[in-house]
């Protein structure tokens, strides 16, 4: 999709987007949805403003996320598996923390694909809005729901799960003796 704009229109859009992102705590825009929708419009186009919009959108998003730890993902995974759900992919490598984030506060997810895609773990007290899931995954702690395409098991998460199963069996065995 190519958006045709005059140079004057492009400048107006760029200024508007920069204003929207400038001050996160006291935004100068009424609706962050505008940024997400603008990003979606220019994402696939060959527009000269694509890179700037993409940068502004990522700036908006990453200010609302923090890098996830192995334990953040493991906590969600335990709950997800306890709900009789199954993982979709197994990897013979350690947890890839560079693609996982935990939401700190409300965010809007709008169409990140390929190398731009991320995985977001959402705590129970955080709301979010998905405009376009893209290649992203959202792991919701509220009900241990998953939105997206895959749930990964890494060799270190598998090892941790085996430890939990052994601990659980020992607790059952001890309690049966009493």
N, C-alpha and C. Protein backbone atom coordinates (compact mmCIF):
# COMPACT_ATOMS: atom_id res chain seq x y z
N UNK A 1 0.84 -1.18 0.00
CA UNK A 1 0.00 0.00 0.00
C UNK A 1 0.89 1.24 0.00
N UNK A 2 0.72 2.09 -0.94
CA UNK A 2 1.51 3.32 -1.05
C UNK A 2 0.60 4.50 -0.78
N UNK A 3 1.03 5.34 0.14
CA UNK A 3 0.26 6.54 0.44
C UNK A 3 0.89 7.70 -0.30
N UNK A 4 0.12 8.36 -1.12
CA UNK A 4 0.64 9.50 -1.87
C UNK A 4 0.29 10.78 -1.13
N UNK A 5 1.33 11.54 -0.80
CA UNK A 5 1.15 12.80 -0.09
C UNK A 5 2.10 13.83 -0.68
N UNK A 6 1.68 15.04 -0.55
CA UNK A 6 2.59 16.11 -0.95
C UNK A 6 3.63 16.28 0.15
N UNK A 7 4.70 16.98 -0.14
CA UNK A 7 5.74 17.20 0.87
C UNK A 7 5.19 17.94 2.08
N UNK A 8 4.28 18.88 1.82
CA UNK A 8 3.68 19.64 2.92
C UNK A 8 2.87 18.71 3.82
N UNK A 9 2.10 17.79 3.23
CA UNK A 9 1.30 16.85 4.00
C UNK A 9 2.20 15.91 4.81
N UNK A 10 3.31 15.47 4.22
CA UNK A 10 4.25 14.59 4.91
C UNK A 10 4.83 15.29 6.13
N UNK A 11 5.20 16.57 5.95
CA UNK A 11 5.74 17.34 7.07
C UNK A 11 4.74 17.47 8.20
N UNK A 12 3.48 17.68 7.87
CA UNK A 12 2.42 17.81 8.88
C UNK A 12 2.28 16.49 9.66
N UNK A 13 2.27 15.37 8.95
CA UNK A 13 2.14 14.06 9.59
C UNK A 13 3.34 13.79 10.50
N UNK A 14 4.54 14.08 10.04
CA UNK A 14 5.73 13.86 10.85
C UNK A 14 5.71 14.72 12.11
N UNK A 15 5.35 16.00 11.96
CA UNK A 15 5.26 16.88 13.14
C UNK A 15 4.24 16.36 14.13
N UNK A 16 3.09 15.93 13.63
CA UNK A 16 2.02 15.41 14.49
C UNK A 16 2.50 14.17 15.25
N UNK A 17 3.17 13.26 14.56
CA UNK A 17 3.65 12.05 15.20
C UNK A 17 4.71 12.35 16.24
N UNK A 18 5.60 13.28 15.95
CA UNK A 18 6.63 13.65 16.92
C UNK A 18 6.02 14.27 18.16
N UNK A 19 4.98 15.09 17.96
CA UNK A 19 4.28 15.67 19.11
C UNK A 19 3.62 14.58 19.95
N UNK A 20 3.06 13.56 19.27
CA UNK A 20 2.37 12.49 19.97
C UNK A 20 3.31 11.70 20.87
N UNK A 21 4.54 11.53 20.46
CA UNK A 21 5.50 10.70 21.18
C UNK A 21 6.34 11.49 22.17
N UNK A 22 6.44 12.78 21.98
CA UNK A 22 7.38 13.63 22.72
C UNK A 22 7.35 13.43 24.23
N UNK A 23 6.20 13.51 24.84
CA UNK A 23 6.10 13.45 26.29
C UNK A 23 5.15 12.32 26.67
N UNK A 24 5.72 11.21 27.09
CA UNK A 24 4.92 10.02 27.35
C UNK A 24 3.96 10.17 28.52
N UNK A 25 4.40 10.76 29.62
CA UNK A 25 3.55 10.87 30.79
C UNK A 25 2.43 11.90 30.63
N UNK A 26 2.70 12.95 29.87
CA UNK A 26 1.68 13.97 29.62
C UNK A 26 1.53 14.13 28.11
N UNK A 27 0.87 13.16 27.49
CA UNK A 27 0.80 13.20 26.03
C UNK A 27 0.08 14.43 25.51
N UNK A 28 0.52 14.90 24.34
CA UNK A 28 -0.09 16.06 23.71
C UNK A 28 -1.07 15.60 22.64
N UNK A 29 -1.51 14.38 22.74
CA UNK A 29 -2.49 13.83 21.81
C UNK A 29 -3.61 13.22 22.64
N UNK A 30 -4.76 13.18 22.07
CA UNK A 30 -5.91 12.65 22.80
C UNK A 30 -6.05 11.14 22.64
N UNK A 31 -5.52 10.59 21.57
CA UNK A 31 -5.76 9.19 21.29
C UNK A 31 -4.53 8.51 20.68
N UNK A 32 -3.84 7.63 21.45
CA UNK A 32 -2.68 6.94 20.88
C UNK A 32 -3.07 6.01 19.74
N UNK A 33 -4.35 5.75 19.60
CA UNK A 33 -4.84 4.92 18.50
C UNK A 33 -4.43 5.54 17.15
N UNK A 34 -4.38 6.88 17.10
CA UNK A 34 -3.96 7.57 15.86
C UNK A 34 -2.57 7.11 15.41
N UNK A 35 -1.66 6.99 16.37
CA UNK A 35 -0.31 6.57 16.05
C UNK A 35 -0.31 5.15 15.51
N UNK A 36 -1.03 4.25 16.17
CA UNK A 36 -1.07 2.85 15.74
C UNK A 36 -1.67 2.75 14.34
N UNK A 37 -2.76 3.46 14.10
CA UNK A 37 -3.40 3.42 12.78
C UNK A 37 -2.49 4.00 11.69
N UNK A 38 -1.80 5.08 12.01
CA UNK A 38 -0.88 5.69 11.04
C UNK A 38 0.26 4.71 10.74
N UNK A 39 0.77 4.07 11.79
CA UNK A 39 1.82 3.09 11.59
C UNK A 39 1.35 1.97 10.66
N UNK A 40 0.14 1.47 10.89
CA UNK A 40 -0.40 0.40 10.05
C UNK A 40 -0.56 0.85 8.60
N UNK A 41 -0.95 2.08 8.38
CA UNK A 41 -1.13 2.59 7.03
C UNK A 41 0.17 2.66 6.25
N UNK A 42 1.21 3.10 6.91
CA UNK A 42 2.47 3.31 6.18
C UNK A 42 3.41 2.11 6.25
N UNK A 43 3.08 1.12 7.09
CA UNK A 43 3.96 -0.03 7.31
C UNK A 43 4.32 -0.74 5.99
N UNK A 44 3.34 -1.00 5.17
CA UNK A 44 3.57 -1.76 3.95
C UNK A 44 3.92 -0.90 2.75
N UNK A 45 3.81 0.38 2.88
CA UNK A 45 4.05 1.27 1.75
C UNK A 45 5.50 1.62 1.57
N UNK A 46 5.81 2.21 0.46
CA UNK A 46 7.17 2.66 0.17
C UNK A 46 7.29 4.15 0.49
N UNK A 47 6.47 4.59 1.41
CA UNK A 47 6.42 6.00 1.75
C UNK A 47 7.73 6.46 2.38
N UNK A 48 8.08 7.70 2.13
CA UNK A 48 9.31 8.24 2.70
C UNK A 48 9.16 8.49 4.20
N UNK A 49 7.95 8.47 4.72
CA UNK A 49 7.79 8.70 6.17
C UNK A 49 7.72 7.39 6.94
N UNK A 50 7.81 6.26 6.26
CA UNK A 50 7.66 4.96 6.91
C UNK A 50 8.64 4.78 8.07
N UNK A 51 9.90 5.04 7.85
CA UNK A 51 10.92 4.85 8.88
C UNK A 51 10.67 5.72 10.10
N UNK A 52 10.27 6.97 9.87
CA UNK A 52 10.00 7.86 11.00
C UNK A 52 8.80 7.41 11.80
N UNK A 53 7.75 6.98 11.11
CA UNK A 53 6.55 6.51 11.79
C UNK A 53 6.87 5.24 12.57
N UNK A 54 7.61 4.35 11.95
CA UNK A 54 7.99 3.10 12.60
C UNK A 54 8.81 3.38 13.86
N UNK A 55 9.74 4.30 13.76
CA UNK A 55 10.57 4.67 14.91
C UNK A 55 9.70 5.26 16.03
N UNK A 56 8.78 6.14 15.68
CA UNK A 56 7.91 6.75 16.68
C UNK A 56 7.00 5.72 17.33
N UNK A 57 6.48 4.77 16.54
CA UNK A 57 5.61 3.75 17.09
C UNK A 57 6.38 2.85 18.06
N UNK A 58 7.58 2.44 17.68
CA UNK A 58 8.38 1.60 18.57
C UNK A 58 8.74 2.35 19.85
N UNK A 59 9.03 3.62 19.72
CA UNK A 59 9.31 4.47 20.87
C UNK A 59 8.12 4.46 21.83
N UNK A 60 6.93 4.64 21.29
CA UNK A 60 5.69 4.61 22.07
C UNK A 60 5.54 3.27 22.78
N UNK A 61 5.73 2.18 22.03
CA UNK A 61 5.49 0.84 22.56
C UNK A 61 6.52 0.46 23.62
N UNK A 62 7.80 0.65 23.34
CA UNK A 62 8.84 0.19 24.25
C UNK A 62 8.89 0.97 25.56
N UNK A 63 8.32 2.16 25.59
CA UNK A 63 8.24 2.90 26.85
C UNK A 63 7.22 2.27 27.80
N UNK A 64 6.36 1.44 27.26
CA UNK A 64 5.33 0.78 28.05
C UNK A 64 5.69 -0.66 28.41
N UNK A 65 6.87 -1.10 28.00
CA UNK A 65 7.32 -2.47 28.22
C UNK A 65 8.66 -2.48 28.92
N UNK A 66 8.94 -3.58 29.59
CA UNK A 66 10.29 -3.81 30.13
C UNK A 66 10.74 -5.19 29.64
N UNK A 67 12.05 -5.42 29.56
CA UNK A 67 12.53 -6.73 29.12
C UNK A 67 12.06 -7.82 30.09
N UNK A 68 11.63 -8.94 29.55
CA UNK A 68 11.16 -10.06 30.38
C UNK A 68 12.35 -10.89 30.84
N UNK A 69 12.19 -11.51 31.98
CA UNK A 69 13.19 -12.46 32.46
C UNK A 69 12.69 -13.87 32.17
N UNK A 70 13.58 -14.78 32.33
CA UNK A 70 13.26 -16.19 32.18
C UNK A 70 12.11 -16.57 33.12
N UNK A 71 12.14 -16.05 34.35
CA UNK A 71 11.11 -16.39 35.34
C UNK A 71 9.74 -15.80 34.98
N UNK A 72 9.72 -14.63 34.34
CA UNK A 72 8.44 -14.06 33.89
C UNK A 72 7.75 -15.02 32.92
N UNK A 73 8.52 -15.50 31.95
CA UNK A 73 7.95 -16.41 30.96
C UNK A 73 7.58 -17.75 31.60
N UNK A 74 8.42 -18.24 32.48
CA UNK A 74 8.18 -19.52 33.13
C UNK A 74 6.90 -19.47 33.97
N UNK A 75 6.69 -18.37 34.65
CA UNK A 75 5.46 -18.20 35.45
C UNK A 75 4.22 -18.29 34.56
N UNK A 76 4.25 -17.59 33.42
CA UNK A 76 3.11 -17.67 32.50
C UNK A 76 2.98 -19.09 31.94
N UNK A 77 4.09 -19.70 31.57
CA UNK A 77 4.07 -21.03 30.96
C UNK A 77 3.50 -22.07 31.93
N UNK A 78 3.86 -21.97 33.21
CA UNK A 78 3.29 -22.89 34.21
C UNK A 78 1.77 -22.80 34.22
N UNK A 79 1.27 -21.58 34.28
CA UNK A 79 -0.18 -21.38 34.30
C UNK A 79 -0.84 -21.87 33.01
N UNK A 80 -0.20 -21.60 31.90
CA UNK A 80 -0.74 -22.00 30.59
C UNK A 80 -0.84 -23.52 30.49
N UNK A 81 0.22 -24.22 30.91
CA UNK A 81 0.22 -25.68 30.85
C UNK A 81 -0.74 -26.29 31.88
N UNK A 82 -0.92 -25.61 33.01
CA UNK A 82 -1.84 -26.12 34.03
C UNK A 82 -3.30 -26.05 33.56
N UNK A 83 -3.56 -25.22 32.56
CA UNK A 83 -4.91 -25.11 31.98
C UNK A 83 -5.12 -26.13 30.86
N UNK A 84 -4.24 -27.16 30.80
CA UNK A 84 -4.31 -28.24 29.80
C UNK A 84 -4.04 -27.75 28.37
N UNK A 85 -3.29 -26.69 28.23
CA UNK A 85 -2.88 -26.21 26.90
C UNK A 85 -1.54 -26.84 26.54
N UNK A 86 -1.22 -26.82 25.27
CA UNK A 86 0.03 -27.42 24.82
C UNK A 86 0.90 -26.39 24.10
N UNK A 87 2.22 -26.53 24.24
CA UNK A 87 3.13 -25.66 23.48
C UNK A 87 3.10 -26.01 22.00
N UNK A 88 3.55 -25.08 21.18
CA UNK A 88 3.53 -25.31 19.74
C UNK A 88 4.92 -25.60 19.16
N UNK A 89 5.97 -25.09 19.82
CA UNK A 89 7.33 -25.26 19.30
C UNK A 89 8.29 -25.62 20.44
N UNK A 90 9.24 -26.48 20.12
CA UNK A 90 10.30 -26.85 21.06
C UNK A 90 11.64 -26.42 20.46
N UNK A 91 12.44 -25.74 21.27
CA UNK A 91 13.75 -25.28 20.79
C UNK A 91 14.86 -25.87 21.66
N UNK A 92 15.91 -26.32 21.03
CA UNK A 92 17.06 -26.86 21.74
C UNK A 92 18.07 -25.74 21.98
N UNK A 93 17.61 -24.73 22.69
CA UNK A 93 18.47 -23.60 23.05
C UNK A 93 17.87 -22.95 24.30
N UNK A 94 18.61 -22.04 24.87
CA UNK A 94 18.12 -21.35 26.06
C UNK A 94 17.08 -20.30 25.71
N UNK A 95 16.32 -19.87 26.71
CA UNK A 95 15.27 -18.85 26.56
C UNK A 95 15.83 -17.62 25.87
N UNK A 96 15.11 -17.13 24.85
CA UNK A 96 15.54 -15.97 24.06
C UNK A 96 14.93 -14.69 24.62
N UNK A 97 15.56 -14.15 25.62
CA UNK A 97 14.96 -13.02 26.32
C UNK A 97 14.93 -11.72 25.51
N UNK A 98 15.71 -11.62 24.44
CA UNK A 98 15.75 -10.38 23.68
C UNK A 98 14.46 -10.11 22.90
N UNK A 99 13.58 -11.08 22.78
CA UNK A 99 12.33 -10.88 22.05
C UNK A 99 11.11 -10.86 22.99
N UNK A 100 11.33 -10.96 24.29
CA UNK A 100 10.23 -11.03 25.26
C UNK A 100 10.22 -9.79 26.14
N UNK A 101 9.00 -9.29 26.37
CA UNK A 101 8.81 -8.10 27.19
C UNK A 101 7.64 -8.30 28.12
N UNK A 102 7.63 -7.53 29.21
CA UNK A 102 6.50 -7.52 30.14
C UNK A 102 5.89 -6.13 30.08
N UNK A 103 4.58 -6.07 29.96
CA UNK A 103 3.89 -4.78 29.89
C UNK A 103 3.88 -4.13 31.27
N UNK A 104 4.23 -2.84 31.31
CA UNK A 104 4.20 -2.08 32.56
C UNK A 104 2.88 -1.35 32.73
N UNK A 105 2.26 -1.00 31.59
CA UNK A 105 0.99 -0.28 31.62
C UNK A 105 0.29 -0.43 30.27
N UNK A 106 -0.87 0.18 30.15
CA UNK A 106 -1.68 0.02 28.95
C UNK A 106 -0.85 0.27 27.69
N UNK A 107 -1.07 -0.58 26.69
CA UNK A 107 -0.40 -0.39 25.41
C UNK A 107 -1.32 -0.83 24.28
N UNK A 108 -1.01 -0.35 23.10
CA UNK A 108 -1.73 -0.74 21.88
C UNK A 108 -0.73 -1.44 20.97
N UNK A 109 -1.11 -2.64 20.53
CA UNK A 109 -0.24 -3.41 19.66
C UNK A 109 -0.79 -3.33 18.25
N UNK A 110 0.05 -2.91 17.31
CA UNK A 110 -0.44 -2.69 15.96
C UNK A 110 0.49 -3.14 14.86
N UNK A 111 0.50 -4.41 14.56
CA UNK A 111 1.12 -4.91 13.34
C UNK A 111 2.62 -4.89 13.23
N UNK A 112 3.30 -5.58 14.11
CA UNK A 112 4.74 -5.75 13.97
C UNK A 112 4.98 -7.11 13.33
N UNK A 113 5.74 -7.12 12.25
CA UNK A 113 5.98 -8.35 11.49
C UNK A 113 7.46 -8.66 11.40
N UNK A 114 7.76 -9.93 11.16
CA UNK A 114 9.14 -10.36 10.92
C UNK A 114 10.07 -10.02 12.06
N UNK A 115 11.21 -9.44 11.75
CA UNK A 115 12.21 -9.13 12.78
C UNK A 115 11.73 -8.05 13.76
N UNK A 116 10.68 -7.34 13.43
CA UNK A 116 10.13 -6.34 14.35
C UNK A 116 9.18 -6.95 15.38
N UNK A 117 8.76 -8.20 15.17
CA UNK A 117 7.77 -8.80 16.06
C UNK A 117 8.34 -9.03 17.46
N UNK A 118 7.45 -9.01 18.44
CA UNK A 118 7.85 -9.19 19.84
C UNK A 118 6.84 -10.10 20.53
N UNK A 119 7.21 -10.54 21.72
CA UNK A 119 6.34 -11.34 22.57
C UNK A 119 6.12 -10.55 23.85
N UNK A 120 4.87 -10.34 24.23
CA UNK A 120 4.56 -9.51 25.39
C UNK A 120 3.82 -10.34 26.43
N UNK A 121 4.36 -10.36 27.64
CA UNK A 121 3.70 -10.99 28.78
C UNK A 121 2.93 -9.88 29.49
N UNK A 122 1.62 -10.08 29.66
CA UNK A 122 0.77 -9.03 30.23
C UNK A 122 0.32 -9.43 31.63
N UNK A 123 0.76 -8.70 32.68
CA UNK A 123 0.29 -9.00 34.04
C UNK A 123 -1.22 -8.78 34.16
N UNK A 124 -1.80 -9.32 35.23
CA UNK A 124 -3.25 -9.27 35.42
C UNK A 124 -3.79 -7.85 35.50
N UNK A 125 -3.04 -6.93 36.05
CA UNK A 125 -3.53 -5.57 36.27
C UNK A 125 -3.29 -4.61 35.11
N UNK A 126 -2.82 -5.11 33.98
CA UNK A 126 -2.52 -4.26 32.82
C UNK A 126 -3.49 -4.55 31.68
N UNK A 127 -4.07 -3.50 31.11
CA UNK A 127 -4.96 -3.64 29.96
C UNK A 127 -4.17 -3.40 28.69
N UNK A 128 -4.72 -3.87 27.58
CA UNK A 128 -4.08 -3.67 26.28
C UNK A 128 -5.12 -3.75 25.19
N UNK A 129 -4.75 -3.28 24.03
CA UNK A 129 -5.63 -3.31 22.85
C UNK A 129 -4.81 -3.81 21.67
N UNK A 130 -5.33 -4.81 20.98
CA UNK A 130 -4.64 -5.34 19.80
C UNK A 130 -5.38 -4.86 18.56
N UNK A 131 -4.69 -4.08 17.74
CA UNK A 131 -5.26 -3.63 16.47
C UNK A 131 -4.95 -4.64 15.37
N UNK A 132 -3.73 -5.18 15.42
CA UNK A 132 -3.28 -6.15 14.44
C UNK A 132 -2.16 -6.94 15.11
N UNK A 133 -2.38 -8.23 15.36
CA UNK A 133 -1.41 -9.04 16.10
C UNK A 133 -0.11 -9.23 15.33
N UNK A 134 -0.18 -9.15 13.99
CA UNK A 134 1.03 -9.32 13.18
C UNK A 134 1.69 -10.66 13.47
N UNK A 135 3.00 -10.66 13.68
CA UNK A 135 3.74 -11.87 14.04
C UNK A 135 4.06 -11.88 15.53
N UNK A 136 3.37 -11.03 16.29
CA UNK A 136 3.61 -10.95 17.73
C UNK A 136 2.82 -12.00 18.48
N UNK A 137 3.19 -12.19 19.74
CA UNK A 137 2.45 -13.05 20.65
C UNK A 137 2.17 -12.28 21.92
N UNK A 138 0.97 -12.44 22.45
CA UNK A 138 0.61 -11.83 23.72
C UNK A 138 0.28 -12.96 24.68
N UNK A 139 1.02 -12.99 25.80
CA UNK A 139 0.82 -14.00 26.83
C UNK A 139 0.16 -13.31 28.02
N UNK A 140 -1.13 -13.53 28.19
CA UNK A 140 -1.93 -12.84 29.20
C UNK A 140 -1.96 -13.64 30.49
N UNK A 141 -1.51 -13.04 31.58
CA UNK A 141 -1.51 -13.71 32.89
C UNK A 141 -2.93 -13.87 33.44
N UNK A 142 -3.85 -13.08 32.94
CA UNK A 142 -5.24 -13.18 33.38
C UNK A 142 -5.90 -14.35 32.64
N UNK A 143 -5.94 -15.50 33.28
CA UNK A 143 -6.51 -16.68 32.66
C UNK A 143 -5.51 -17.46 31.83
N UNK A 144 -4.25 -17.02 31.83
CA UNK A 144 -3.17 -17.68 31.08
C UNK A 144 -3.56 -17.92 29.63
N UNK A 145 -4.08 -16.87 29.02
CA UNK A 145 -4.49 -16.94 27.62
C UNK A 145 -3.32 -16.57 26.71
N UNK A 146 -3.42 -17.03 25.50
CA UNK A 146 -2.40 -16.75 24.50
C UNK A 146 -3.06 -16.20 23.24
N UNK A 147 -2.53 -15.11 22.73
CA UNK A 147 -3.00 -14.55 21.46
C UNK A 147 -1.79 -14.48 20.54
N UNK A 148 -1.89 -15.09 19.40
CA UNK A 148 -0.78 -15.13 18.47
C UNK A 148 -0.63 -16.50 17.86
N UNK A 149 0.57 -16.83 17.43
CA UNK A 149 0.78 -18.06 16.68
C UNK A 149 1.50 -19.17 17.43
N UNK A 150 2.34 -18.85 18.40
CA UNK A 150 3.12 -19.92 18.99
C UNK A 150 3.37 -19.72 20.47
N UNK A 151 3.59 -20.87 21.13
CA UNK A 151 4.00 -20.94 22.53
C UNK A 151 5.26 -21.79 22.54
N UNK A 152 6.37 -21.19 22.90
CA UNK A 152 7.66 -21.87 22.81
C UNK A 152 8.04 -22.56 24.10
N UNK A 153 8.73 -23.69 23.94
CA UNK A 153 9.39 -24.37 25.05
C UNK A 153 10.86 -24.39 24.69
N UNK A 154 11.70 -23.87 25.58
CA UNK A 154 13.14 -23.88 25.39
C UNK A 154 13.74 -24.96 26.27
N UNK A 155 14.96 -25.39 25.98
CA UNK A 155 15.50 -26.49 26.77
C UNK A 155 15.63 -26.14 28.25
N UNK A 156 15.91 -24.88 28.59
CA UNK A 156 16.00 -24.52 30.01
C UNK A 156 14.60 -24.44 30.65
N UNK A 157 13.57 -24.07 29.89
CA UNK A 157 12.21 -24.08 30.47
C UNK A 157 11.73 -25.52 30.64
N UNK A 158 12.14 -26.40 29.74
CA UNK A 158 11.78 -27.81 29.84
C UNK A 158 12.42 -28.43 31.08
N UNK A 159 13.69 -28.10 31.32
CA UNK A 159 14.38 -28.60 32.52
C UNK A 159 13.67 -28.12 33.79
N UNK A 160 13.26 -26.86 33.80
CA UNK A 160 12.56 -26.31 34.97
C UNK A 160 11.22 -27.00 35.18
N UNK A 161 10.51 -27.29 34.09
CA UNK A 161 9.24 -27.99 34.19
C UNK A 161 9.42 -29.39 34.76
N UNK A 162 10.49 -30.08 34.35
CA UNK A 162 10.76 -31.41 34.90
C UNK A 162 11.03 -31.34 36.40
N UNK A 163 11.75 -30.31 36.86
CA UNK A 163 11.99 -30.12 38.29
C UNK A 163 10.66 -29.91 39.03
N UNK A 164 9.79 -29.10 38.46
CA UNK A 164 8.50 -28.85 39.10
C UNK A 164 7.66 -30.12 39.21
N UNK A 165 7.69 -30.93 38.17
CA UNK A 165 6.93 -32.19 38.20
C UNK A 165 7.49 -33.10 39.29
N UNK A 166 8.82 -33.19 39.42
CA UNK A 166 9.42 -34.01 40.48
C UNK A 166 9.04 -33.49 41.85
N UNK A 167 9.10 -32.17 42.05
CA UNK A 167 8.71 -31.56 43.33
C UNK A 167 7.25 -31.85 43.63
N UNK A 168 6.41 -31.73 42.64
CA UNK A 168 4.98 -31.96 42.80
C UNK A 168 4.72 -33.41 43.19
N UNK A 169 5.42 -34.35 42.53
CA UNK A 169 5.25 -35.78 42.87
C UNK A 169 5.72 -36.04 44.30
N UNK A 170 6.83 -35.41 44.73
CA UNK A 170 7.31 -35.58 46.09
C UNK A 170 6.31 -35.05 47.11
N UNK A 171 5.68 -33.94 46.83
CA UNK A 171 4.68 -33.36 47.74
C UNK A 171 3.49 -34.31 47.86
N UNK A 172 3.05 -34.86 46.73
CA UNK A 172 1.92 -35.81 46.75
C UNK A 172 2.32 -37.05 47.54
N UNK A 173 3.52 -37.56 47.33
CA UNK A 173 3.99 -38.76 48.00
C UNK A 173 4.07 -38.52 49.51
N UNK A 174 4.61 -37.39 49.93
CA UNK A 174 4.73 -37.06 51.36
C UNK A 174 3.35 -36.92 51.98
N UNK A 175 2.44 -36.25 51.30
CA UNK A 175 1.11 -36.02 51.86
C UNK A 175 0.30 -37.33 51.93
N UNK A 176 0.59 -38.29 51.06
CA UNK A 176 -0.11 -39.58 51.10
C UNK A 176 0.34 -40.40 52.31
N UNK A 177 1.58 -40.20 52.75
CA UNK A 177 2.09 -40.96 53.89
C UNK A 177 1.46 -40.49 55.21
N UNK A 178 1.06 -39.25 55.27
CA UNK A 178 0.53 -38.69 56.52
C UNK A 178 -0.84 -39.13 56.73
